[in-house]
Protein backbone atom coordinates (compact mmCIF):
# COMPACT_ATOMS: atom_id res chain seq x y z
CA UNK A 1 0.15 29.12 -60.25
CA UNK A 2 2.72 31.00 -58.19
CA UNK A 3 0.93 29.93 -54.99
CA UNK A 4 0.91 26.24 -56.07
CA UNK A 5 4.55 26.44 -57.07
CA UNK A 6 5.40 27.95 -53.66
CA UNK A 7 3.49 25.21 -51.86
CA UNK A 8 5.15 22.51 -53.97
CA UNK A 9 8.60 24.03 -53.31
CA UNK A 10 7.90 24.07 -49.61
CA UNK A 11 6.76 20.43 -49.52
CA UNK A 12 9.78 19.40 -51.58
CA UNK A 13 12.25 21.10 -49.36
CA UNK A 14 14.01 19.17 -46.58
CA UNK A 15 12.76 19.54 -42.99
CA UNK A 16 14.91 21.70 -40.73
CA UNK A 17 14.32 21.72 -36.99
CA UNK A 18 16.64 24.29 -35.31
CA UNK A 19 20.14 23.29 -36.28
CA UNK A 20 19.07 19.75 -37.24
CA UNK A 21 18.41 19.11 -40.92
CA UNK A 22 16.49 15.92 -41.59
CA UNK A 23 17.23 13.89 -44.79
CA UNK A 24 13.67 13.94 -46.08
CA UNK A 25 11.14 16.46 -47.31
CA UNK A 26 7.71 17.36 -46.08
CA UNK A 27 6.17 15.58 -49.04
CA UNK A 28 8.01 12.38 -48.19
CA UNK A 29 6.95 12.65 -44.56
CA UNK A 30 3.27 13.10 -45.60
CA UNK A 31 3.57 10.05 -47.82
CA UNK A 32 5.01 7.98 -44.97
CA UNK A 33 2.17 9.09 -42.65
CA UNK A 34 -0.42 8.16 -45.31
CA UNK A 35 1.19 4.72 -45.71
CA UNK A 36 1.18 4.23 -41.90
CA UNK A 37 -2.53 5.06 -41.77
CA UNK A 38 -3.15 2.60 -44.62
CA UNK A 39 -1.35 -0.12 -42.64
CA UNK A 40 -3.47 0.56 -39.58
CA UNK A 41 -6.79 0.52 -41.55
CA UNK A 42 -5.71 -2.68 -43.36
CA UNK A 43 -4.94 -4.29 -39.96
CA UNK A 44 -8.45 -3.37 -38.68
CA UNK A 45 -10.12 -4.64 -41.87
CA UNK A 46 -8.30 -7.91 -41.88
CA UNK A 47 -9.05 -8.58 -38.20
CA UNK A 48 -12.73 -7.82 -38.79
CA UNK A 49 -12.82 -10.00 -41.95
CA UNK A 50 -11.15 -12.89 -39.96
CA UNK A 51 -13.79 -12.80 -37.19
CA UNK A 52 -16.60 -12.64 -39.79
CA UNK A 53 -15.30 -15.62 -41.75
CA UNK A 54 -14.92 -17.69 -38.56
CA UNK A 55 -18.42 -16.76 -37.43
CA UNK A 56 -19.97 -17.80 -40.77
CA UNK A 57 -18.01 -21.07 -40.68
CA UNK A 58 -19.55 -21.76 -37.25
CA UNK A 59 -16.11 -22.43 -35.81
CA UNK A 60 -15.87 -23.45 -32.18
CA UNK A 61 -15.03 -20.75 -29.66
CA UNK A 62 -11.61 -22.24 -28.81
CA UNK A 63 -10.72 -22.47 -32.50
CA UNK A 64 -11.86 -18.90 -33.11
CA UNK A 65 -9.79 -17.69 -30.18
CA UNK A 66 -6.59 -19.40 -31.38
CA UNK A 67 -7.05 -18.30 -35.04
CA UNK A 68 -7.75 -14.65 -34.13
CA UNK A 69 -4.75 -14.58 -31.75
CA UNK A 70 -2.35 -15.99 -34.36
CA UNK A 71 -3.72 -13.72 -37.10
CA UNK A 72 -3.28 -10.72 -34.79
CA UNK A 73 0.32 -11.72 -34.01
CA UNK A 74 1.11 -12.11 -37.71
CA UNK A 75 -0.41 -8.82 -38.69
CA UNK A 76 1.40 -7.04 -35.91
CA UNK A 77 4.73 -8.50 -37.10
CA UNK A 78 4.05 -7.23 -40.59
CA UNK A 79 3.02 -3.84 -39.15
CA UNK A 80 6.30 -3.59 -37.24
CA UNK A 81 8.25 -4.55 -40.33
CA UNK A 82 6.36 -1.98 -42.35
CA UNK A 83 6.95 0.69 -39.79
CA UNK A 84 10.74 0.18 -39.75
CA UNK A 85 10.72 -0.01 -43.51
CA UNK A 86 9.12 3.45 -43.60
CA UNK A 87 11.69 4.73 -41.18
CA UNK A 88 14.47 3.33 -43.35
CA UNK A 89 12.83 4.89 -46.46
CA UNK A 90 12.73 8.25 -44.75
CA UNK A 91 16.26 8.36 -43.35
CA UNK A 92 18.04 6.13 -45.91
CA UNK A 93 21.68 5.42 -45.16
CA UNK A 94 21.67 7.87 -42.24
CA UNK A 95 19.10 5.85 -40.22
CA UNK A 96 21.56 4.63 -37.62
CA UNK A 97 22.98 8.15 -37.25
CA UNK A 98 19.65 9.67 -36.44
CA UNK A 99 18.67 6.79 -34.16
CA UNK A 100 21.89 7.51 -32.24
CA UNK A 101 21.00 11.20 -32.09
CA UNK A 102 17.48 10.34 -30.86
CA UNK A 103 18.79 8.15 -28.04
CA UNK A 104 21.39 10.85 -27.28
CA UNK A 105 18.53 13.33 -26.71
CA UNK A 106 16.71 10.83 -24.45
CA UNK A 107 19.86 10.40 -22.42
CA UNK A 108 20.33 14.11 -21.81
CA UNK A 109 19.64 14.98 -18.14
CA UNK A 110 16.45 17.00 -17.54
CA UNK A 111 16.93 17.16 -13.77
CA UNK A 112 20.19 17.09 -11.76
CA UNK A 113 20.50 16.76 -8.03
CA UNK A 114 23.88 15.86 -6.58
CA UNK A 115 25.12 12.66 -8.25
CA UNK A 116 21.69 11.89 -9.70
CA UNK A 117 20.94 12.78 -13.35
CA UNK A 118 17.31 12.15 -14.38
CA UNK A 119 16.76 11.88 -18.09
CA UNK A 120 13.98 10.63 -20.32
CA UNK A 121 15.67 7.21 -20.29
CA UNK A 122 15.46 7.22 -16.46
CA UNK A 123 11.74 8.05 -16.55
CA UNK A 124 11.14 5.33 -19.17
CA UNK A 125 12.92 2.71 -17.11
CA UNK A 126 10.92 3.71 -14.06
CA UNK A 127 7.86 2.18 -15.60
CA UNK A 128 9.14 -1.46 -15.67
CA UNK A 129 10.66 -0.96 -12.18
CA UNK A 130 7.26 0.00 -10.73
CA UNK A 131 5.56 -2.79 -12.61
CA UNK A 132 8.12 -5.31 -11.27
CA UNK A 133 7.61 -3.96 -7.78
CA UNK A 134 3.82 -4.45 -8.05
CA UNK A 135 4.25 -7.96 -9.43
CA UNK A 136 6.67 -8.87 -6.69
CA UNK A 137 4.30 -7.59 -4.01
CA UNK A 138 1.38 -9.66 -5.37
CA UNK A 139 3.60 -12.73 -5.83
CA UNK A 140 4.88 -12.51 -2.22
CA UNK A 141 1.33 -12.16 -0.93
CA UNK A 142 0.16 -15.17 -2.86
CA UNK A 143 3.17 -17.27 -1.70
CA UNK A 144 2.61 -16.40 1.95
CA UNK A 145 -1.12 -17.03 1.75
CA UNK A 146 -0.88 -20.37 0.02
CA UNK A 147 2.18 -21.94 1.72
CA UNK A 148 3.48 -20.45 4.93
CA UNK A 149 0.28 -19.09 6.54
CA UNK A 150 -1.70 -22.27 5.76
CA UNK A 151 0.78 -24.22 7.96
CA UNK A 152 0.56 -21.60 10.73
CA UNK A 153 -3.29 -21.85 10.76
CA UNK A 154 -3.85 -18.17 11.32
CA UNK A 155 -7.39 -16.76 11.24
CA UNK A 156 -8.55 -14.69 8.31
CA UNK A 157 -7.98 -11.28 9.98
CA UNK A 158 -4.38 -12.02 10.99
CA UNK A 159 -3.68 -13.58 7.63
CA UNK A 160 -4.98 -10.47 5.90
CA UNK A 161 -2.73 -8.21 7.99
CA UNK A 162 0.39 -10.31 7.48
CA UNK A 163 -0.07 -10.72 3.71
CA UNK A 164 -0.89 -7.01 3.21
CA UNK A 165 2.14 -5.79 5.13
CA UNK A 166 4.31 -8.30 3.28
CA UNK A 167 2.96 -7.17 -0.05
CA UNK A 168 3.54 -3.43 0.46
CA UNK A 169 6.88 -4.08 2.15
CA UNK A 170 8.16 -6.09 -0.79
CA UNK A 171 6.81 -3.46 -3.17
CA UNK A 172 8.77 -0.70 -1.41
CA UNK A 173 12.00 -2.72 -1.21
CA UNK A 174 11.89 -3.83 -4.88
CA UNK A 175 11.05 -0.28 -6.00
CA UNK A 176 13.92 1.29 -3.99
CA UNK A 177 16.45 -1.32 -5.34
CA UNK A 178 15.21 -0.82 -8.90
CA UNK A 179 15.39 2.92 -8.73
CA UNK A 180 18.96 2.75 -7.37
CA UNK A 181 19.93 0.39 -10.27
CA UNK A 182 18.70 2.75 -12.95
CA UNK A 183 20.79 5.54 -11.40
CA UNK A 184 18.48 7.47 -9.06
CA UNK A 185 20.19 8.47 -5.83
CA UNK A 186 17.82 7.66 -2.96
CA UNK A 187 19.23 10.53 -0.88
CA UNK A 188 18.19 12.89 -3.64
CA UNK A 189 14.79 11.36 -3.54
CA UNK A 190 14.58 12.03 0.16
CA UNK A 191 15.24 15.74 -0.51
CA UNK A 192 12.70 15.73 -3.29
CA UNK A 193 10.08 14.09 -1.11
CA UNK A 194 10.80 16.55 1.65
CA UNK A 195 10.10 19.46 -0.69
CA UNK A 196 6.94 17.73 -1.98
CA UNK A 197 5.91 17.13 1.61
CA UNK A 198 5.16 20.78 2.03
CA UNK A 199 2.82 20.73 -0.87
CA UNK A 200 1.32 17.46 0.33
CA UNK A 201 0.58 19.00 3.69
CA UNK A 202 -1.48 21.81 2.15
CA UNK A 203 -3.00 20.33 -0.99
CA UNK A 204 -3.26 16.56 -0.33
CA UNK A 205 -4.58 16.41 3.25
CA UNK A 206 -7.41 14.04 2.37
CA UNK A 207 -5.07 11.77 0.42
CA UNK A 208 -2.60 11.57 3.34
CA UNK A 209 -5.46 10.92 5.74
CA UNK A 210 -6.73 8.06 3.58
CA UNK A 211 -3.19 6.67 3.21
CA UNK A 212 -2.57 6.46 6.98
CA UNK A 213 -6.16 5.23 7.53
CA UNK A 214 -5.31 2.40 5.14
CA UNK A 215 -2.30 1.51 7.23
CA UNK A 216 -4.44 1.64 10.34
CA UNK A 217 -6.99 -0.75 8.73
CA UNK A 218 -4.19 -3.21 7.85
CA UNK A 219 -2.72 -3.14 11.35
CA UNK A 220 -5.86 -3.07 13.51
CA UNK A 221 -8.10 -5.18 11.19
CA UNK A 222 -11.48 -3.63 11.85
CA UNK A 223 -12.47 -5.05 8.48
CA UNK A 224 -10.88 -7.48 6.07
CA UNK A 225 -11.54 -8.65 2.54
CA UNK A 226 -14.64 -10.80 2.36
CA UNK A 227 -16.40 -9.15 5.41
CA UNK A 228 -20.02 -8.17 5.22
CA UNK A 229 -20.32 -4.59 6.48
CA UNK A 230 -22.79 -1.75 6.68
CA UNK A 231 -21.20 1.67 6.09
CA UNK A 232 -22.79 4.93 4.87
CA UNK A 233 -26.12 3.03 4.31
CA UNK A 234 -24.37 0.54 2.03
CA UNK A 235 -24.88 -3.11 2.95
CA UNK A 236 -21.96 -4.67 1.03
CA UNK A 237 -19.07 -7.12 0.92
CA UNK A 238 -15.49 -5.91 1.13
CA UNK A 239 -13.78 -6.79 -2.13
CA UNK A 240 -10.38 -5.18 -1.90
CA UNK A 241 -8.64 -2.97 0.65
CA UNK A 242 -6.07 -0.56 -0.81
CA UNK A 243 -3.90 2.01 0.87
CA UNK A 244 -6.16 4.98 -0.12
CA UNK A 245 -9.56 3.38 -0.56
CA UNK A 246 -11.59 0.27 -0.05
CA UNK A 247 -13.76 -1.31 -2.76
CA UNK A 248 -17.11 -2.86 -1.68
CA UNK A 249 -19.73 -4.63 -3.64
CA UNK A 250 -23.40 -4.19 -2.69
CA UNK A 251 -26.20 -6.75 -2.88
CA UNK A 252 -27.32 -5.13 -6.16
CA UNK A 253 -23.82 -5.77 -7.61
CA UNK A 254 -22.85 -2.10 -7.46
CA UNK A 255 -19.17 -1.36 -6.89
CA UNK A 256 -18.57 1.42 -4.41
CA UNK A 257 -15.21 2.97 -3.59
CA UNK A 258 -15.12 4.14 0.03
CA UNK A 259 -12.23 6.44 1.30
CA UNK A 260 -10.34 4.69 4.08
CA UNK A 261 -10.66 7.70 6.38
CA UNK A 262 -14.44 7.15 6.39
CA UNK A 263 -13.94 3.59 7.63
CA UNK A 264 -11.58 4.65 10.41
CA UNK A 265 -13.31 7.84 11.57
CA UNK A 266 -16.93 6.71 11.04
CA UNK A 267 -19.08 3.88 12.38
CA UNK A 268 -18.89 0.59 10.55
CA UNK A 269 -21.21 -2.31 11.23
CA UNK A 270 -19.15 -5.44 10.58
CA UNK A 271 -21.43 -8.48 10.45
CA UNK A 272 -18.47 -10.89 10.29
CA UNK A 273 -15.88 -9.35 12.60
CA UNK A 274 -15.41 -12.37 14.86
CA UNK A 275 -17.71 -14.82 13.18
CA UNK A 276 -19.76 -14.96 9.98
CA UNK A 277 -22.79 -16.20 11.91
CA UNK A 278 -25.47 -13.63 12.52
CA UNK A 279 -29.01 -13.38 13.97
CA UNK A 280 -31.74 -12.87 11.34
CA UNK A 281 -35.11 -11.34 12.28
CA UNK A 282 -38.47 -12.06 10.61
CA UNK A 283 -41.32 -9.94 11.93
CA UNK A 284 -45.00 -10.70 11.25
CA UNK A 285 -48.36 -9.75 12.81
CA UNK A 286 -51.14 -12.23 13.64
CA UNK A 287 -54.74 -11.69 14.56
CA UNK A 288 -55.87 -11.42 18.16
CA UNK A 289 -58.07 -14.44 17.40
CA UNK A 290 -54.96 -16.63 16.75
CA UNK A 291 -53.73 -19.30 19.08
CA UNK A 292 -50.30 -17.89 20.04
CA UNK A 293 -48.96 -21.36 21.07
CA UNK A 294 -49.74 -22.67 17.63
CA UNK A 295 -48.21 -19.61 16.01
CA UNK A 296 -45.03 -20.19 18.01
CA UNK A 297 -44.82 -23.81 16.94
CA UNK A 298 -45.34 -22.94 13.24
CA UNK A 299 -42.72 -20.17 13.23
CA UNK A 300 -40.25 -22.38 15.18
CA UNK A 301 -40.65 -25.03 12.43
CA UNK A 302 -39.88 -22.44 9.77
CA UNK A 303 -36.70 -21.43 11.63
CA UNK A 304 -35.55 -25.09 11.99
CA UNK A 305 -36.23 -25.88 8.29
CA UNK A 306 -34.39 -22.81 6.99
CA UNK A 307 -31.67 -24.12 4.55
CA UNK A 308 -29.31 -21.34 5.77
CA UNK A 309 -29.71 -22.08 9.46
CA UNK A 310 -26.61 -22.55 11.63
CA UNK A 311 -26.55 -26.05 13.11
CA UNK A 312 -26.57 -26.26 16.85
CA UNK A 313 -28.42 -22.97 17.40
CA UNK A 314 -32.13 -23.34 17.89
CA UNK A 315 -34.40 -20.55 16.58
CA UNK A 316 -36.39 -18.38 18.96
CA UNK A 317 -39.91 -17.02 18.58
CA UNK A 318 -40.92 -14.02 20.69
CA UNK A 319 -44.09 -12.13 21.24
CA UNK A 320 -42.91 -8.65 20.39
CA UNK A 321 -45.88 -6.31 21.07
CA UNK A 322 -49.60 -5.89 21.09
CA UNK A 323 -50.47 -3.47 18.39
CA UNK A 324 -53.67 -1.83 17.14
CA UNK A 325 -54.31 -4.33 14.32
CA UNK A 326 -52.71 -7.52 15.69
CA UNK A 327 -50.01 -9.13 17.74
CA UNK A 328 -46.44 -8.71 16.42
CA UNK A 329 -44.30 -11.87 16.44
CA UNK A 330 -40.61 -12.13 15.74
CA UNK A 331 -38.59 -15.11 14.58
CA UNK A 332 -34.88 -15.03 15.45
CA UNK A 333 -32.71 -17.47 13.48
CA UNK A 334 -28.99 -17.98 13.45
CA UNK A 335 -27.59 -18.31 9.94
CA UNK A 336 -24.08 -19.51 8.93
CA UNK A 337 -22.98 -16.65 6.67
CA UNK A 338 -23.87 -12.93 6.77
CA UNK A 339 -23.81 -12.88 2.95
CA UNK A 340 -26.89 -15.16 2.96
CA UNK A 341 -28.92 -12.77 5.07
CA UNK A 342 -31.34 -11.55 2.44
CA UNK A 343 -31.78 -14.93 0.75
CA UNK A 344 -32.47 -16.52 4.17
CA UNK A 345 -34.89 -13.81 5.17
CA UNK A 346 -36.82 -14.03 1.90
CA UNK A 347 -37.07 -17.84 2.25
CA UNK A 348 -38.35 -17.53 5.82
CA UNK A 349 -40.96 -14.85 4.95
CA UNK A 350 -42.34 -16.94 2.10
CA UNK A 351 -42.47 -20.12 4.23
CA UNK A 352 -44.18 -18.25 7.09
CA UNK A 353 -46.86 -17.05 4.69
CA UNK A 354 -47.37 -20.61 3.32
CA UNK A 355 -47.56 -22.31 6.68
CA UNK A 356 -49.87 -19.65 8.13
CA UNK A 357 -52.17 -20.27 5.23
CA UNK A 358 -52.09 -24.04 5.77
CA UNK A 359 -52.81 -23.66 9.52
CA UNK A 360 -55.51 -20.91 9.02
CA UNK A 361 -53.46 -18.33 10.90
CA UNK A 362 -54.59 -14.83 9.93
CA UNK A 363 -52.20 -12.04 9.09
CA UNK A 364 -54.30 -8.93 9.75
CA UNK A 365 -54.29 -5.76 7.77
CA UNK A 366 -54.47 -2.31 9.43
CA UNK A 367 -58.02 -1.76 10.75
CA UNK A 368 -59.95 0.30 13.23
CA UNK A 369 -62.96 -0.99 15.18
CA UNK A 370 -65.81 1.55 15.73
CA UNK A 371 -68.04 0.86 18.69
CA UNK A 372 -71.47 2.71 18.85
CA UNK A 373 -73.11 2.81 22.27
CA UNK A 374 -76.92 2.52 22.53
CA UNK A 375 -78.69 5.71 23.46
CA UNK A 376 -80.83 8.52 22.27
CA UNK A 377 -79.36 11.15 20.13
CA UNK A 378 -80.89 14.50 20.84
CA UNK A 379 -80.74 17.36 18.50
CA UNK A 380 -79.75 20.72 19.73
CA UNK A 381 -82.72 23.08 20.13
CA UNK A 382 -83.45 25.24 17.20
CA UNK A 383 -83.19 28.96 17.58
CA UNK A 384 -86.65 30.51 17.49
CA UNK A 385 -87.22 32.65 14.49
CA UNK A 386 -88.72 36.12 14.72
CA UNK A 387 -91.20 37.23 12.24
């Protein structure tokens, strides 16, 4: 009983944190937390029940989306009202006093350099400043791409460079202006970055290398978004070029993140650097009994009929080599877009097989011919036995 009485007395006592005495007890705080958990669970249950009811009613997808959105908004409003009601229940008439103390703590400087005082408020306001800088960079890139650069008729590589530089330039300018507005002295930031530069030089060498490699990619344009490249055995399309890394998407829909330093320092096969047109090769063997002129005509027809062929560029058929099992032929076809390489090659291979079958052209399998010359085979003399 004494233990229970001690616990009850402790829970009934007011909470004291240092020199600050709060106007509620531990028991009241536990009750408020329990009510908050009940609010959250009720919110989840009501959202789940709403989706179930709409699903059983066979409501249309648009109706379901609108109903769920408005129910979510309404429940969140009630949740916010309930939360502030709990705060008022805990603090009572002294709510505004403690809110003022709370904001006073957030306004206390945690770092001072010259005329710059960085507090929790400063750090909190940094988030919307950076968000605004990112949004302004994207908006400026979209504006340039859709309005000004369309009139200038720049090619894709130059357009990519201009829009990327404009985006990052606007981001830096907006971020610097925003940071100065919330009270951060930019000269103090320069000192801070100078100190951090020492650590960067030792611990973030790869990051710095990737950063400057990203700038090199933007300025020199070895690749641009939408290019078909071959890098590190990945045949993929460039999706997005960032300052530290480049995102590519392979033909199997795998997303690969490549460090920019690898693209600058290594070899990159860019199928669409100057033009998206590429040569596609289809290799096939035919029997030595085949009429090569007929084979060339059939393969040329396949190249001309390819749905991905580039107009104005005639396909070429070449006799590649004379091998052990047959004659190797190669069909060279220009196609319009490097991204269609595998689809075009598959179509051509299937069509070659069909037309060879229609024209009785044999595709040999690996074989070895054994020639036996006529003649007597003499056995080696036996060794006489001794008895």
